[in-house]
Amino acid sequence: MTRQPDAAGSANVDAKSRGVPKVQSVMSMGKLDAIDVAAQTFRINGVTYSFEGGVRFVNTNGRAMQAAQIKAGDWVQFWIKSSHTQRTPQVERVVLMVNPESRKAKP
């Protein structure tokens, strides 16, 4: 492949020669619509994600927590790991944005 300089003087190159990563990790946030621990899936902002490859659930103080402690309606930050070889994005980390104690009824 011959590289032709563009107007700025840099060489145009294709994705392979630029070293575009095959796996990307993207952070997002949203409201948890549903979680199915048995099927290892959850839906955030209307999109279903898998966590069958293992996911780290973290609470507001940075400590690990069980998936069962997260409830539909909770706001979460999550990191999505995807690659061009996967059919569905894989969530690798979920951080709960609300304190689970705040869900308890107040007297």
Protein backbone atom coordinates (compact mmCIF):
# COMPACT_ATOMS: atom_id res chain seq x y z
CA MET A 1 0.00 0.00 0.00
CA THR A 2 1.32 3.42 -0.95
CA ARG A 3 0.83 6.14 1.60
CA GLN A 4 -0.24 9.51 0.26
CA PRO A 5 0.25 12.60 2.45
CA ASP A 6 -2.96 14.47 3.19
CA ALA A 7 -3.35 18.26 3.36
CA ALA A 8 -1.78 18.34 6.83
CA GLY A 9 1.22 16.38 5.58
CA SER A 10 0.55 13.19 7.54
CA ALA A 11 0.27 9.85 5.79
CA ASN A 12 -3.15 8.28 5.37
CA VAL A 13 -3.08 4.67 6.51
CA ASP A 14 -5.60 1.89 6.78
CA ALA A 15 -6.91 0.52 10.12
CA LYS A 16 -4.53 -2.47 10.14
CA SER A 17 -1.40 -0.36 9.88
CA ARG A 18 -2.68 2.10 12.53
CA GLY A 19 -2.96 -0.67 15.08
CA VAL A 20 -6.67 -0.25 15.86
CA PRO A 21 -7.36 -2.34 18.98
CA LYS A 22 -9.39 -5.49 18.49
CA VAL A 23 -10.88 -5.22 21.99
CA GLN A 24 -12.32 -1.97 23.29
CA SER A 25 -13.53 -1.05 26.77
CA VAL A 26 -16.12 1.71 27.04
CA MET A 27 -17.62 3.23 30.21
CA SER A 28 -21.26 4.23 30.30
CA MET A 29 -23.99 4.77 32.86
CA GLY A 30 -27.69 4.20 33.02
CA LYS A 31 -30.69 2.82 34.84
CA LEU A 32 -30.84 -0.93 35.36
CA ASP A 33 -34.09 -2.16 33.79
CA ALA A 34 -33.76 -5.84 34.75
CA ILE A 35 -31.22 -8.37 35.99
CA ASP A 36 -31.35 -12.15 35.58
CA VAL A 37 -28.60 -13.72 37.68
CA ALA A 38 -29.42 -17.27 36.49
CA ALA A 39 -29.11 -16.33 32.80
CA GLN A 40 -26.21 -13.95 33.59
CA THR A 41 -27.76 -11.05 31.70
CA PHE A 42 -29.09 -7.64 32.55
CA ARG A 43 -30.77 -4.84 30.67
CA ILE A 44 -29.58 -1.25 31.01
CA ASN A 45 -31.27 1.58 29.10
CA GLY A 46 -33.18 -1.01 27.06
CA VAL A 47 -30.09 -2.94 25.90
CA THR A 48 -29.41 -6.49 27.12
CA TYR A 49 -25.83 -7.29 28.13
CA SER A 50 -24.18 -10.56 29.13
CA PHE A 51 -21.95 -11.05 32.14
CA GLU A 52 -21.37 -14.78 31.65
CA GLY A 53 -17.62 -14.21 31.23
CA GLY A 54 -17.46 -12.83 34.75
CA VAL A 55 -18.22 -9.35 35.96
CA ARG A 56 -17.10 -7.37 38.97
CA PHE A 57 -19.94 -5.71 40.90
CA VAL A 58 -18.83 -2.79 43.08
CA ASN A 59 -20.88 -0.73 45.56
CA THR A 60 -20.66 3.01 46.28
CA ASN A 61 -17.75 2.63 48.70
CA GLY A 62 -15.65 0.61 46.22
CA ARG A 63 -16.15 -2.81 47.78
CA ALA A 64 -17.16 -5.93 45.88
CA MET A 65 -20.79 -6.98 46.12
CA GLN A 66 -23.01 -9.81 44.92
CA ALA A 67 -25.17 -9.48 41.80
CA ALA A 68 -28.23 -10.26 43.94
CA GLN A 69 -27.75 -6.95 45.79
CA ILE A 70 -28.39 -4.94 42.62
CA LYS A 71 -32.06 -4.29 41.89
CA ALA A 72 -34.00 -3.08 38.86
CA GLY A 73 -34.27 0.70 38.97
CA ASP A 74 -30.75 1.24 40.35
CA TRP A 75 -28.44 3.65 38.58
CA VAL A 76 -25.13 2.07 37.59
CA GLN A 77 -21.86 2.85 35.84
CA PHE A 78 -20.65 -0.02 33.69
CA TRP A 79 -17.71 -0.90 31.50
CA ILE A 80 -18.40 -2.75 28.25
CA LYS A 81 -15.69 -4.85 26.67
CA SER A 82 -16.38 -5.59 23.03
CA SER A 83 -14.44 -6.88 20.08
CA HIS A 84 -15.12 -7.43 16.43
CA THR A 85 -15.25 -11.21 17.05
CA GLN A 86 -18.03 -11.10 19.67
CA ARG A 87 -21.70 -11.20 18.77
CA THR A 88 -22.80 -9.40 21.95
CA PRO A 89 -20.93 -6.92 24.13
CA GLN A 90 -19.56 -8.33 27.39
CA VAL A 91 -19.87 -6.24 30.53
CA GLU A 92 -16.74 -6.51 32.65
CA ARG A 93 -17.49 -4.21 35.60
CA VAL A 94 -20.61 -2.65 37.14
CA VAL A 95 -20.50 0.08 39.81
CA LEU A 96 -23.69 0.77 41.75
CA MET A 97 -24.36 4.52 41.87
CA VAL A 98 -26.82 4.41 44.80
CA ASN A 99 -26.38 3.16 48.33
CA PRO A 100 -28.39 -0.09 48.76
CA GLU A 101 -29.33 1.15 52.24
CA SER A 102 -31.25 4.04 50.66
CA ARG A 103 -33.80 1.56 49.27
CA LYS A 104 -35.03 0.70 52.78
CA ALA A 105 -38.27 2.30 53.89
CA LYS A 106 -37.76 5.31 56.14
CA PRO A 107 -39.79 5.46 59.39
